[in-house]
Amino acid sequence: MNEIKSILLVGAGAVGSSVAHKLHDKNPGTVHVLAGGERAQRYRDQGLVINEQRYDLPIMEPAANSAASEAVDLILVAVKQYHLTAAIEDMRHYVGKNTVILSLMNGITSESELGEAFGQEKILYGLVIGIDGNRTGNQVRFTSAGTIVFGEAQNCEWSDRVAKIAQLFDAAGVIYSVPDDMLHALWYKFMINVGINQVSGVL
């Protein structure tokens, strides 16, 4: 995998924005947001406001609205689970032979769904822990961006694409971890969500 020069953000909520703004600050113009219709126009008119700072990230329209093939190097998927099916169709146009797709979603099924659509060889496993962000309209606020945990299923030795993304995150100051056993990390986060989130919500 060559140097990552083009990044598509699918889902500009708290998780996606917390990563995208750091990548943009390091290399302006490399991060694009997938958006169409009213939402795309709102981002163009009002920008994406992250911790009170406005970002005017370039917009890429969903596949059905775009005229030419524009494969990107890295796609960060940070939508809610119930939006994933639509997101897969919207992003098809931007997945090329060498595109890597990193899911930052909760749960344990997004990687397999993305793999079924684009080929499992394009997919890296991922999750985010420790973020306290929330989104209202086009405004995102957080005090902690948390840690991105990502990698191949097993990472005793890093693959080239894991190393390239780690290099990208290092340069931008994105906090991350690459565990030896990524599948264990996914199930650990799932158990936390299932066992603790309800109590946290009540309290």
N, C-alpha and C. Protein backbone atom coordinates (compact mmCIF):
# COMPACT_ATOMS: atom_id res chain seq x y z
N MET A 1 0.84 -1.20 0.00
CA MET A 1 0.00 0.00 0.00
C MET A 1 0.87 1.25 0.00
N ASN A 2 0.59 2.20 -0.91
CA ASN A 2 1.33 3.44 -0.98
C ASN A 2 0.88 4.39 0.12
N GLU A 3 1.53 5.54 0.19
CA GLU A 3 1.16 6.55 1.18
C GLU A 3 -0.30 6.94 1.04
N ILE A 4 -0.97 7.13 2.16
CA ILE A 4 -2.39 7.50 2.14
C ILE A 4 -2.52 8.98 1.83
N LYS A 5 -3.12 9.28 0.67
CA LYS A 5 -3.25 10.66 0.22
C LYS A 5 -4.69 11.13 0.11
N SER A 6 -5.64 10.21 0.13
CA SER A 6 -7.05 10.59 0.03
C SER A 6 -7.87 9.75 1.01
N ILE A 7 -8.70 10.44 1.77
CA ILE A 7 -9.48 9.81 2.83
C ILE A 7 -10.93 10.23 2.69
N LEU A 8 -11.83 9.27 2.78
CA LEU A 8 -13.27 9.56 2.73
C LEU A 8 -13.89 9.22 4.07
N LEU A 9 -14.56 10.20 4.68
CA LEU A 9 -15.26 10.00 5.94
C LEU A 9 -16.72 9.69 5.65
N VAL A 10 -17.17 8.52 6.08
CA VAL A 10 -18.56 8.12 5.92
C VAL A 10 -19.20 8.16 7.31
N GLY A 11 -19.88 9.25 7.59
CA GLY A 11 -20.47 9.45 8.91
C GLY A 11 -19.72 10.53 9.68
N ALA A 12 -20.23 11.78 9.61
CA ALA A 12 -19.55 12.91 10.24
C ALA A 12 -20.15 13.24 11.60
N GLY A 13 -20.38 12.20 12.39
CA GLY A 13 -20.85 12.40 13.76
C GLY A 13 -19.69 12.63 14.70
N ALA A 14 -19.91 12.34 15.97
CA ALA A 14 -18.88 12.61 16.98
C ALA A 14 -17.61 11.80 16.71
N VAL A 15 -17.77 10.52 16.43
CA VAL A 15 -16.60 9.66 16.22
C VAL A 15 -15.85 10.07 14.96
N GLY A 16 -16.56 10.15 13.85
CA GLY A 16 -15.92 10.49 12.59
C GLY A 16 -15.25 11.85 12.61
N SER A 17 -15.93 12.84 13.18
CA SER A 17 -15.40 14.20 13.22
C SER A 17 -14.16 14.30 14.09
N SER A 18 -14.14 13.54 15.18
CA SER A 18 -13.00 13.62 16.10
C SER A 18 -11.71 13.15 15.44
N VAL A 19 -11.83 12.25 14.47
CA VAL A 19 -10.66 11.79 13.72
C VAL A 19 -10.37 12.70 12.54
N ALA A 20 -11.43 13.06 11.82
CA ALA A 20 -11.27 13.80 10.57
C ALA A 20 -10.62 15.16 10.78
N HIS A 21 -10.98 15.85 11.85
CA HIS A 21 -10.43 17.21 12.00
C HIS A 21 -8.92 17.18 12.25
N LYS A 22 -8.43 16.13 12.93
CA LYS A 22 -6.99 16.04 13.15
C LYS A 22 -6.26 15.69 11.85
N LEU A 23 -6.84 14.80 11.07
CA LEU A 23 -6.23 14.45 9.79
C LEU A 23 -6.23 15.65 8.85
N HIS A 24 -7.32 16.42 8.89
CA HIS A 24 -7.40 17.62 8.06
C HIS A 24 -6.38 18.67 8.50
N ASP A 25 -6.25 18.87 9.82
CA ASP A 25 -5.30 19.86 10.31
C ASP A 25 -3.88 19.56 9.85
N LYS A 26 -3.56 18.27 9.79
CA LYS A 26 -2.21 17.87 9.37
C LYS A 26 -2.03 18.01 7.87
N ASN A 27 -3.04 17.59 7.09
CA ASN A 27 -2.95 17.64 5.63
C ASN A 27 -4.27 18.14 5.05
N PRO A 28 -4.48 19.45 5.04
CA PRO A 28 -5.74 20.01 4.52
C PRO A 28 -6.02 19.54 3.09
N GLY A 29 -7.28 19.20 2.86
CA GLY A 29 -7.70 18.77 1.53
C GLY A 29 -7.68 17.28 1.30
N THR A 30 -7.08 16.53 2.22
CA THR A 30 -7.01 15.07 2.01
C THR A 30 -8.27 14.36 2.51
N VAL A 31 -8.99 14.97 3.44
CA VAL A 31 -10.19 14.34 4.03
C VAL A 31 -11.44 14.89 3.37
N HIS A 32 -12.25 14.01 2.81
CA HIS A 32 -13.52 14.38 2.21
C HIS A 32 -14.66 13.76 3.02
N VAL A 33 -15.81 14.40 2.98
CA VAL A 33 -17.00 13.89 3.67
C VAL A 33 -17.99 13.37 2.64
N LEU A 34 -18.51 12.18 2.85
CA LEU A 34 -19.54 11.63 1.98
C LEU A 34 -20.89 12.19 2.41
N ALA A 35 -21.52 12.96 1.55
CA ALA A 35 -22.82 13.56 1.89
C ALA A 35 -23.54 13.94 0.61
N GLY A 36 -24.85 13.84 0.65
CA GLY A 36 -25.65 14.21 -0.51
C GLY A 36 -26.87 15.01 -0.09
N GLY A 37 -27.55 15.57 -1.06
CA GLY A 37 -28.80 16.26 -0.81
C GLY A 37 -28.69 17.44 0.15
N GLU A 38 -29.68 17.54 1.03
CA GLU A 38 -29.75 18.66 1.97
C GLU A 38 -28.55 18.68 2.90
N ARG A 39 -28.09 17.53 3.31
CA ARG A 39 -26.97 17.47 4.24
C ARG A 39 -25.69 18.00 3.60
N ALA A 40 -25.46 17.63 2.34
CA ALA A 40 -24.29 18.13 1.63
C ALA A 40 -24.35 19.65 1.50
N GLN A 41 -25.53 20.17 1.18
CA GLN A 41 -25.67 21.62 1.03
C GLN A 41 -25.46 22.33 2.36
N ARG A 42 -25.94 21.71 3.44
CA ARG A 42 -25.76 22.31 4.77
C ARG A 42 -24.29 22.36 5.14
N TYR A 43 -23.55 21.29 4.85
CA TYR A 43 -22.11 21.30 5.13
C TYR A 43 -21.39 22.36 4.29
N ARG A 44 -21.85 22.53 3.04
CA ARG A 44 -21.21 23.55 2.20
C ARG A 44 -21.52 24.96 2.71
N ASP A 45 -22.74 25.16 3.17
CA ASP A 45 -23.15 26.49 3.63
C ASP A 45 -22.63 26.82 5.02
N GLN A 46 -22.68 25.83 5.92
CA GLN A 46 -22.41 26.09 7.33
C GLN A 46 -21.12 25.43 7.83
N GLY A 47 -20.54 24.55 7.02
CA GLY A 47 -19.36 23.83 7.45
C GLY A 47 -19.69 22.79 8.50
N LEU A 48 -18.68 22.12 8.98
CA LEU A 48 -18.79 21.19 10.10
C LEU A 48 -18.08 21.85 11.28
N VAL A 49 -18.81 22.12 12.35
CA VAL A 49 -18.27 22.86 13.48
C VAL A 49 -17.85 21.87 14.55
N ILE A 50 -16.55 21.81 14.82
CA ILE A 50 -15.99 20.85 15.77
C ILE A 50 -15.33 21.62 16.90
N ASN A 51 -15.89 21.46 18.09
CA ASN A 51 -15.40 22.21 19.26
C ASN A 51 -15.28 23.70 18.95
N GLU A 52 -16.37 24.23 18.36
CA GLU A 52 -16.51 25.66 18.07
C GLU A 52 -15.66 26.15 16.89
N GLN A 53 -14.93 25.27 16.24
CA GLN A 53 -14.13 25.67 15.08
C GLN A 53 -14.76 25.13 13.81
N ARG A 54 -14.94 25.99 12.83
CA ARG A 54 -15.58 25.58 11.58
C ARG A 54 -14.58 24.91 10.64
N TYR A 55 -14.99 23.79 10.07
CA TYR A 55 -14.20 23.09 9.07
C TYR A 55 -15.03 22.98 7.80
N ASP A 56 -14.45 23.41 6.70
CA ASP A 56 -15.12 23.28 5.40
C ASP A 56 -14.43 22.16 4.63
N LEU A 57 -14.79 20.94 4.99
CA LEU A 57 -14.19 19.77 4.35
C LEU A 57 -14.82 19.56 2.98
N PRO A 58 -14.03 19.15 1.99
CA PRO A 58 -14.60 18.87 0.66
C PRO A 58 -15.66 17.77 0.74
N ILE A 59 -16.68 17.92 -0.09
CA ILE A 59 -17.80 16.97 -0.10
C ILE A 59 -17.66 16.03 -1.29
N MET A 60 -17.89 14.75 -1.05
CA MET A 60 -18.06 13.79 -2.13
C MET A 60 -19.50 13.29 -2.09
N GLU A 61 -20.15 13.36 -3.23
CA GLU A 61 -21.55 12.95 -3.32
C GLU A 61 -21.65 11.42 -3.32
N PRO A 62 -22.80 10.89 -2.85
CA PRO A 62 -23.01 9.44 -2.93
C PRO A 62 -22.86 8.93 -4.36
N ALA A 63 -22.61 7.65 -4.49
CA ALA A 63 -22.28 7.05 -5.78
C ALA A 63 -23.28 7.41 -6.88
N ALA A 64 -24.56 7.38 -6.56
CA ALA A 64 -25.58 7.60 -7.59
C ALA A 64 -25.54 9.02 -8.15
N ASN A 65 -24.95 9.97 -7.38
CA ASN A 65 -24.94 11.37 -7.81
C ASN A 65 -23.61 11.81 -8.40
N SER A 66 -22.64 10.91 -8.45
CA SER A 66 -21.30 11.29 -8.88
C SER A 66 -21.03 10.75 -10.27
N ALA A 67 -20.35 11.54 -11.08
CA ALA A 67 -20.24 11.21 -12.50
C ALA A 67 -19.05 10.31 -12.84
N ALA A 68 -17.97 10.43 -12.11
CA ALA A 68 -16.75 9.70 -12.50
C ALA A 68 -16.18 8.93 -11.32
N SER A 69 -15.43 7.89 -11.64
CA SER A 69 -14.84 7.06 -10.59
C SER A 69 -13.75 7.83 -9.86
N GLU A 70 -13.80 7.81 -8.52
CA GLU A 70 -12.83 8.53 -7.70
C GLU A 70 -12.43 7.65 -6.53
N ALA A 71 -11.75 6.56 -6.79
CA ALA A 71 -11.33 5.67 -5.72
C ALA A 71 -10.39 6.40 -4.77
N VAL A 72 -10.59 6.18 -3.47
CA VAL A 72 -9.76 6.81 -2.45
C VAL A 72 -8.88 5.76 -1.79
N ASP A 73 -7.88 6.23 -1.05
CA ASP A 73 -6.95 5.31 -0.40
C ASP A 73 -7.53 4.69 0.86
N LEU A 74 -8.27 5.49 1.64
CA LEU A 74 -8.77 5.04 2.94
C LEU A 74 -10.19 5.55 3.14
N ILE A 75 -11.08 4.67 3.56
CA ILE A 75 -12.43 5.05 3.93
C ILE A 75 -12.64 4.76 5.41
N LEU A 76 -13.04 5.77 6.16
CA LEU A 76 -13.37 5.63 7.57
C LEU A 76 -14.88 5.58 7.70
N VAL A 77 -15.41 4.47 8.20
CA VAL A 77 -16.85 4.29 8.31
C VAL A 77 -17.26 4.49 9.77
N ALA A 78 -18.07 5.53 10.00
CA ALA A 78 -18.44 5.87 11.38
C ALA A 78 -19.92 6.21 11.48
N VAL A 79 -20.75 5.44 10.77
CA VAL A 79 -22.19 5.65 10.83
C VAL A 79 -22.80 4.77 11.93
N LYS A 80 -24.07 5.01 12.23
CA LYS A 80 -24.80 4.11 13.11
C LYS A 80 -25.13 2.83 12.34
N GLN A 81 -25.33 1.75 13.07
CA GLN A 81 -25.55 0.45 12.43
C GLN A 81 -26.73 0.49 11.46
N TYR A 82 -27.80 1.19 11.83
CA TYR A 82 -29.00 1.20 10.99
C TYR A 82 -28.81 2.03 9.72
N HIS A 83 -27.69 2.74 9.60
CA HIS A 83 -27.38 3.49 8.37
C HIS A 83 -26.36 2.78 7.50
N LEU A 84 -25.85 1.63 7.94
CA LEU A 84 -24.74 1.01 7.24
C LEU A 84 -25.12 0.52 5.86
N THR A 85 -26.29 -0.09 5.69
CA THR A 85 -26.69 -0.60 4.38
C THR A 85 -26.71 0.51 3.34
N ALA A 86 -27.31 1.65 3.70
CA ALA A 86 -27.35 2.79 2.77
C ALA A 86 -25.95 3.34 2.54
N ALA A 87 -25.13 3.38 3.59
CA ALA A 87 -23.77 3.91 3.45
C ALA A 87 -22.95 3.06 2.50
N ILE A 88 -23.13 1.75 2.55
CA ILE A 88 -22.40 0.85 1.65
C ILE A 88 -22.71 1.19 0.20
N GLU A 89 -23.98 1.41 -0.11
CA GLU A 89 -24.35 1.76 -1.48
C GLU A 89 -23.79 3.12 -1.88
N ASP A 90 -23.83 4.07 -0.95
CA ASP A 90 -23.36 5.43 -1.24
C ASP A 90 -21.86 5.49 -1.50
N MET A 91 -21.10 4.60 -0.85
CA MET A 91 -19.65 4.67 -0.95
C MET A 91 -19.05 3.77 -2.03
N ARG A 92 -19.89 2.96 -2.68
CA ARG A 92 -19.38 2.00 -3.66
C ARG A 92 -18.49 2.65 -4.71
N HIS A 93 -18.88 3.82 -5.14
CA HIS A 93 -18.20 4.53 -6.21
C HIS A 93 -16.75 4.85 -5.86
N TYR A 94 -16.42 4.89 -4.58
CA TYR A 94 -15.11 5.36 -4.14
C TYR A 94 -14.19 4.23 -3.66
N VAL A 95 -14.63 3.01 -3.83
CA VAL A 95 -13.84 1.85 -3.44
C VAL A 95 -13.12 1.30 -4.66
N GLY A 96 -11.81 1.37 -4.63
CA GLY A 96 -11.01 0.87 -5.75
C GLY A 96 -10.21 -0.35 -5.35
N LYS A 97 -9.33 -0.77 -6.23
CA LYS A 97 -8.56 -1.99 -6.03
C LYS A 97 -7.73 -1.93 -4.75
N ASN A 98 -7.18 -0.76 -4.43
CA ASN A 98 -6.27 -0.64 -3.29
C ASN A 98 -6.87 0.11 -2.10
N THR A 99 -8.15 0.36 -2.15
CA THR A 99 -8.80 1.07 -1.05
C THR A 99 -8.84 0.20 0.21
N VAL A 100 -8.51 0.80 1.34
CA VAL A 100 -8.66 0.14 2.64
C VAL A 100 -9.85 0.77 3.36
N ILE A 101 -10.69 -0.06 3.95
CA ILE A 101 -11.88 0.39 4.67
C ILE A 101 -11.72 0.06 6.14
N LEU A 102 -11.79 1.08 6.98
CA LEU A 102 -11.66 0.92 8.43
C LEU A 102 -12.97 1.30 9.09
N SER A 103 -13.61 0.35 9.74
CA SER A 103 -14.86 0.61 10.46
C SER A 103 -14.55 1.07 11.88
N LEU A 104 -15.17 2.20 12.28
CA LEU A 104 -15.04 2.70 13.64
C LEU A 104 -16.36 2.59 14.38
N MET A 105 -17.20 1.67 13.93
CA MET A 105 -18.54 1.52 14.49
C MET A 105 -18.54 0.63 15.72
N ASN A 106 -19.56 0.82 16.55
CA ASN A 106 -19.80 -0.13 17.64
C ASN A 106 -20.30 -1.45 17.06
N GLY A 107 -20.24 -2.48 17.87
CA GLY A 107 -20.78 -3.77 17.45
C GLY A 107 -19.71 -4.67 16.84
N ILE A 108 -20.16 -5.82 16.35
CA ILE A 108 -19.22 -6.83 15.86
C ILE A 108 -19.57 -7.33 14.46
N THR A 109 -20.50 -6.66 13.78
CA THR A 109 -20.93 -7.16 12.47
C THR A 109 -20.58 -6.24 11.31
N SER A 110 -20.18 -5.00 11.59
CA SER A 110 -19.97 -4.06 10.48
C SER A 110 -18.87 -4.53 9.54
N GLU A 111 -17.80 -5.09 10.09
CA GLU A 111 -16.69 -5.53 9.23
C GLU A 111 -17.12 -6.65 8.29
N SER A 112 -17.94 -7.57 8.78
CA SER A 112 -18.38 -8.66 7.90
C SER A 112 -19.34 -8.13 6.83
N GLU A 113 -20.19 -7.16 7.18
CA GLU A 113 -21.10 -6.59 6.19
C GLU A 113 -20.33 -5.81 5.13
N LEU A 114 -19.34 -5.06 5.55
CA LEU A 114 -18.50 -4.34 4.59
C LEU A 114 -17.70 -5.32 3.73
N GLY A 115 -17.24 -6.40 4.36
CA GLY A 115 -16.50 -7.41 3.63
C GLY A 115 -17.33 -8.10 2.57
N GLU A 116 -18.60 -8.37 2.89
CA GLU A 116 -19.50 -8.98 1.91
C GLU A 116 -19.70 -8.07 0.71
N ALA A 117 -19.71 -6.77 0.95
CA ALA A 117 -19.96 -5.81 -0.12
C ALA A 117 -18.72 -5.55 -0.97
N PHE A 118 -17.54 -5.50 -0.35
CA PHE A 118 -16.36 -5.03 -1.05
C PHE A 118 -15.19 -6.01 -1.07
N GLY A 119 -15.33 -7.11 -0.33
CA GLY A 119 -14.24 -8.07 -0.22
C GLY A 119 -13.54 -7.92 1.12
N GLN A 120 -13.45 -9.01 1.85
CA GLN A 120 -12.88 -8.96 3.20
C GLN A 120 -11.43 -8.50 3.20
N GLU A 121 -10.75 -8.69 2.08
CA GLU A 121 -9.34 -8.29 2.00
C GLU A 121 -9.15 -6.78 2.06
N LYS A 122 -10.23 -6.01 1.89
CA LYS A 122 -10.14 -4.55 1.97
C LYS A 122 -10.44 -4.00 3.36
N ILE A 123 -10.87 -4.87 4.27
CA ILE A 123 -11.43 -4.41 5.54
C ILE A 123 -10.42 -4.56 6.68
N LEU A 124 -10.33 -3.52 7.52
CA LEU A 124 -9.65 -3.61 8.80
C LEU A 124 -10.68 -3.50 9.91
N TYR A 125 -10.42 -4.18 11.00
CA TYR A 125 -11.29 -4.11 12.17
C TYR A 125 -10.97 -2.85 12.97
N GLY A 126 -11.99 -2.27 13.60
CA GLY A 126 -11.73 -1.08 14.40
C GLY A 126 -12.85 -0.77 15.37
N LEU A 127 -12.53 0.05 16.36
CA LEU A 127 -13.50 0.56 17.32
C LEU A 127 -12.88 1.79 17.99
N VAL A 128 -13.70 2.52 18.72
CA VAL A 128 -13.23 3.69 19.45
C VAL A 128 -13.66 3.56 20.90
N ILE A 129 -12.75 3.79 21.81
CA ILE A 129 -13.08 3.75 23.24
C ILE A 129 -12.70 5.09 23.87
N GLY A 130 -13.48 5.50 24.86
CA GLY A 130 -13.13 6.66 25.66
C GLY A 130 -13.55 8.00 25.09
N ILE A 131 -14.29 8.04 23.98
CA ILE A 131 -14.73 9.32 23.44
C ILE A 131 -15.98 9.78 24.19
N ASP A 132 -16.10 11.10 24.41
CA ASP A 132 -17.27 11.62 25.11
C ASP A 132 -18.03 12.63 24.26
N GLY A 133 -17.94 12.48 22.95
CA GLY A 133 -18.51 13.47 22.04
C GLY A 133 -20.01 13.32 21.83
N ASN A 134 -20.61 14.41 21.33
CA ASN A 134 -21.99 14.39 20.89
C ASN A 134 -22.17 15.37 19.75
N ARG A 135 -23.19 15.14 18.93
CA ARG A 135 -23.44 15.97 17.76
C ARG A 135 -24.84 16.54 17.82
N THR A 136 -24.96 17.82 17.47
CA THR A 136 -26.25 18.48 17.30
C THR A 136 -26.20 19.21 15.97
N GLY A 137 -26.98 18.73 14.99
CA GLY A 137 -26.93 19.32 13.66
C GLY A 137 -25.55 19.15 13.06
N ASN A 138 -24.92 20.26 12.68
CA ASN A 138 -23.58 20.20 12.11
C ASN A 138 -22.50 20.52 13.14
N GLN A 139 -22.88 20.55 14.42
CA GLN A 139 -21.94 20.88 15.48
C GLN A 139 -21.59 19.64 16.31
N VAL A 140 -20.29 19.43 16.50
CA VAL A 140 -19.79 18.30 17.28
C VAL A 140 -18.93 18.85 18.42
N ARG A 141 -19.15 18.32 19.61
CA ARG A 141 -18.37 18.74 20.77
C ARG A 141 -17.85 17.52 21.51
N PHE A 142 -16.60 17.60 21.96
CA PHE A 142 -16.05 16.54 22.81
C PHE A 142 -14.88 17.11 23.58
N THR A 143 -14.62 16.53 24.75
CA THR A 143 -13.42 16.89 25.52
C THR A 143 -12.36 15.81 25.39
N SER A 144 -12.78 14.60 25.05
CA SER A 144 -11.86 13.50 24.83
C SER A 144 -12.22 12.80 23.52
N ALA A 145 -11.24 12.70 22.62
CA ALA A 145 -11.46 12.01 21.35
C ALA A 145 -11.30 10.51 21.49
N GLY A 146 -10.86 10.05 22.67
CA GLY A 146 -10.72 8.63 22.90
C GLY A 146 -9.54 8.02 22.16
N THR A 147 -9.59 6.72 22.03
CA THR A 147 -8.52 5.95 21.38
C THR A 147 -9.12 5.07 20.29
N ILE A 148 -8.52 5.11 19.10
CA ILE A 148 -8.91 4.20 18.04
C ILE A 148 -8.14 2.90 18.21
N VAL A 149 -8.85 1.81 18.32
CA VAL A 149 -8.26 0.48 18.39
C VAL A 149 -8.52 -0.19 17.04
N PHE A 150 -7.47 -0.59 16.34
CA PHE A 150 -7.70 -1.10 14.99
C PHE A 150 -6.63 -2.11 14.61
N GLY A 151 -6.88 -2.81 13.50
CA GLY A 151 -5.89 -3.72 12.97
C GLY A 151 -6.49 -4.86 12.18
N GLU A 152 -5.63 -5.77 11.78
CA GLU A 152 -6.07 -7.04 11.22
C GLU A 152 -6.65 -7.88 12.36
N ALA A 153 -7.21 -9.03 12.03
CA ALA A 153 -7.73 -9.90 13.09
C ALA A 153 -6.62 -10.25 14.08
N GLN A 154 -5.42 -10.51 13.59
CA GLN A 154 -4.26 -10.78 14.43
C GLN A 154 -3.13 -9.84 14.01
N ASN A 155 -2.43 -9.27 15.01
CA ASN A 155 -1.43 -8.24 14.72
C ASN A 155 -0.11 -8.48 15.44
N CYS A 156 0.26 -9.73 15.64
CA CYS A 156 1.56 -10.00 16.25
C CYS A 156 2.67 -9.37 15.41
N GLU A 157 2.49 -9.39 14.10
CA GLU A 157 3.32 -8.62 13.18
C GLU A 157 2.39 -7.73 12.36
N TRP A 158 2.70 -6.45 12.32
CA TRP A 158 1.81 -5.53 11.61
C TRP A 158 1.90 -5.72 10.10
N SER A 159 0.75 -5.70 9.47
CA SER A 159 0.70 -5.72 8.01
C SER A 159 1.10 -4.34 7.49
N ASP A 160 1.36 -4.27 6.20
CA ASP A 160 1.76 -3.01 5.58
C ASP A 160 0.67 -1.96 5.74
N ARG A 161 -0.58 -2.35 5.56
CA ARG A 161 -1.65 -1.34 5.64
C ARG A 161 -1.88 -0.87 7.06
N VAL A 162 -1.71 -1.74 8.04
CA VAL A 162 -1.80 -1.29 9.43
C VAL A 162 -0.68 -0.30 9.74
N ALA A 163 0.51 -0.59 9.28
CA ALA A 163 1.65 0.29 9.50
C ALA A 163 1.44 1.66 8.84
N LYS A 164 0.86 1.66 7.64
CA LYS A 164 0.62 2.91 6.93
C LYS A 164 -0.41 3.78 7.66
N ILE A 165 -1.46 3.16 8.18
CA ILE A 165 -2.47 3.93 8.91
C ILE A 165 -1.91 4.41 10.24
N ALA A 166 -1.11 3.58 10.89
CA ALA A 166 -0.46 4.01 12.13
C ALA A 166 0.44 5.21 11.86
N GLN A 167 1.15 5.20 10.76
CA GLN A 167 2.01 6.32 10.38
C GLN A 167 1.16 7.58 10.16
N LEU A 168 0.03 7.41 9.49
CA LEU A 168 -0.90 8.53 9.26
C LEU A 168 -1.39 9.09 10.58
N PHE A 169 -1.81 8.22 11.49
CA PHE A 169 -2.32 8.67 12.80
C PHE A 169 -1.22 9.33 13.63
N ASP A 170 -0.03 8.77 13.59
CA ASP A 170 1.10 9.36 14.32
C ASP A 170 1.34 10.80 13.88
N ALA A 171 1.34 11.01 12.57
CA ALA A 171 1.63 12.34 12.03
C ALA A 171 0.56 13.35 12.43
N ALA A 172 -0.68 12.89 12.55
CA ALA A 172 -1.79 13.79 12.86
C ALA A 172 -2.09 13.89 14.35
N GLY A 173 -1.41 13.10 15.17
CA GLY A 173 -1.67 13.13 16.60
C GLY A 173 -2.93 12.40 17.02
N VAL A 174 -3.36 11.44 16.21
CA VAL A 174 -4.53 10.62 16.56
C VAL A 174 -4.06 9.49 17.48
N ILE A 175 -4.71 9.38 18.63
CA ILE A 175 -4.33 8.34 19.60
C ILE A 175 -4.92 7.00 19.15
N TYR A 176 -4.08 5.97 19.12
CA TYR A 176 -4.54 4.67 18.64
C TYR A 176 -3.81 3.54 19.37
N SER A 177 -4.35 2.34 19.19
CA SER A 177 -3.73 1.13 19.71
C SER A 177 -3.96 0.01 18.70
N VAL A 178 -2.95 -0.82 18.52
CA VAL A 178 -3.06 -1.99 17.64
C VAL A 178 -2.84 -3.23 18.50
N PRO A 179 -3.91 -3.89 18.94
CA PRO A 179 -3.76 -5.06 19.81
C PRO A 179 -3.32 -6.29 19.03
N ASP A 180 -2.68 -7.22 19.71
CA ASP A 180 -2.31 -8.47 19.05
C ASP A 180 -3.54 -9.22 18.55
N ASP A 181 -4.60 -9.23 19.37
CA ASP A 181 -5.82 -9.96 19.03
C ASP A 181 -6.96 -8.95 18.90
N MET A 182 -7.22 -8.51 17.69
CA MET A 182 -8.24 -7.49 17.45
C MET A 182 -9.64 -8.03 17.66
N LEU A 183 -9.87 -9.28 17.36
CA LEU A 183 -11.20 -9.86 17.56
C LEU A 183 -11.58 -9.88 19.04
N HIS A 184 -10.60 -10.17 19.88
CA HIS A 184 -10.84 -10.13 21.33
C HIS A 184 -11.22 -8.71 21.75
N ALA A 185 -10.54 -7.71 21.18
CA ALA A 185 -10.84 -6.31 21.51
C ALA A 185 -12.26 -5.94 21.10
N LEU A 186 -12.70 -6.43 19.94
CA LEU A 186 -14.07 -6.15 19.48
C LEU A 186 -15.10 -6.73 20.45
N TRP A 187 -14.88 -7.97 20.85
CA TRP A 187 -15.84 -8.61 21.75
C TRP A 187 -15.80 -7.98 23.14
N TYR A 188 -14.63 -7.53 23.57
CA TYR A 188 -14.52 -6.84 24.86
C TYR A 188 -15.36 -5.56 24.86
N LYS A 189 -15.23 -4.77 23.77
CA LYS A 189 -16.04 -3.55 23.67
C LYS A 189 -17.53 -3.88 23.61
N PHE A 190 -17.87 -4.95 22.91
CA PHE A 190 -19.27 -5.37 22.83
C PHE A 190 -19.81 -5.71 24.21
N MET A 191 -19.02 -6.42 25.00
CA MET A 191 -19.47 -6.80 26.35
C MET A 191 -19.65 -5.56 27.23
N ILE A 192 -18.75 -4.58 27.08
CA ILE A 192 -18.91 -3.34 27.83
C ILE A 192 -20.21 -2.64 27.45
N ASN A 193 -20.47 -2.55 26.14
CA ASN A 193 -21.69 -1.89 25.68
C ASN A 193 -22.93 -2.58 26.20
N VAL A 194 -22.93 -3.90 26.16
CA VAL A 194 -24.11 -4.66 26.57
C VAL A 194 -24.28 -4.63 28.09
N GLY A 195 -23.17 -4.70 28.82
CA GLY A 195 -23.26 -4.87 30.26
C GLY A 195 -23.23 -3.61 31.09
N ILE A 196 -22.70 -2.50 30.53
CA ILE A 196 -22.48 -1.32 31.33
C ILE A 196 -23.25 -0.09 30.84
N ASN A 197 -23.45 0.02 29.54
CA ASN A 197 -24.05 1.24 29.00
C ASN A 197 -25.43 1.56 29.56
N GLN A 198 -26.23 0.52 29.80
CA GLN A 198 -27.58 0.76 30.31
C GLN A 198 -27.51 1.42 31.69
N VAL A 199 -26.63 0.90 32.54
CA VAL A 199 -26.48 1.48 33.88
C VAL A 199 -25.94 2.90 33.79
N SER A 200 -24.98 3.12 32.90
CA SER A 200 -24.43 4.46 32.72
C SER A 200 -25.52 5.43 32.28
N GLY A 201 -26.39 4.96 31.36
CA GLY A 201 -27.48 5.81 30.88
C GLY A 201 -28.43 6.21 32.00
N VAL A 202 -28.75 5.26 32.85
CA VAL A 202 -29.66 5.54 33.97
C VAL A 202 -29.04 6.51 34.95
N LEU A 203 -27.74 6.32 35.23
CA LEU A 203 -27.07 7.16 36.23
C LEU A 203 -26.72 8.54 35.68
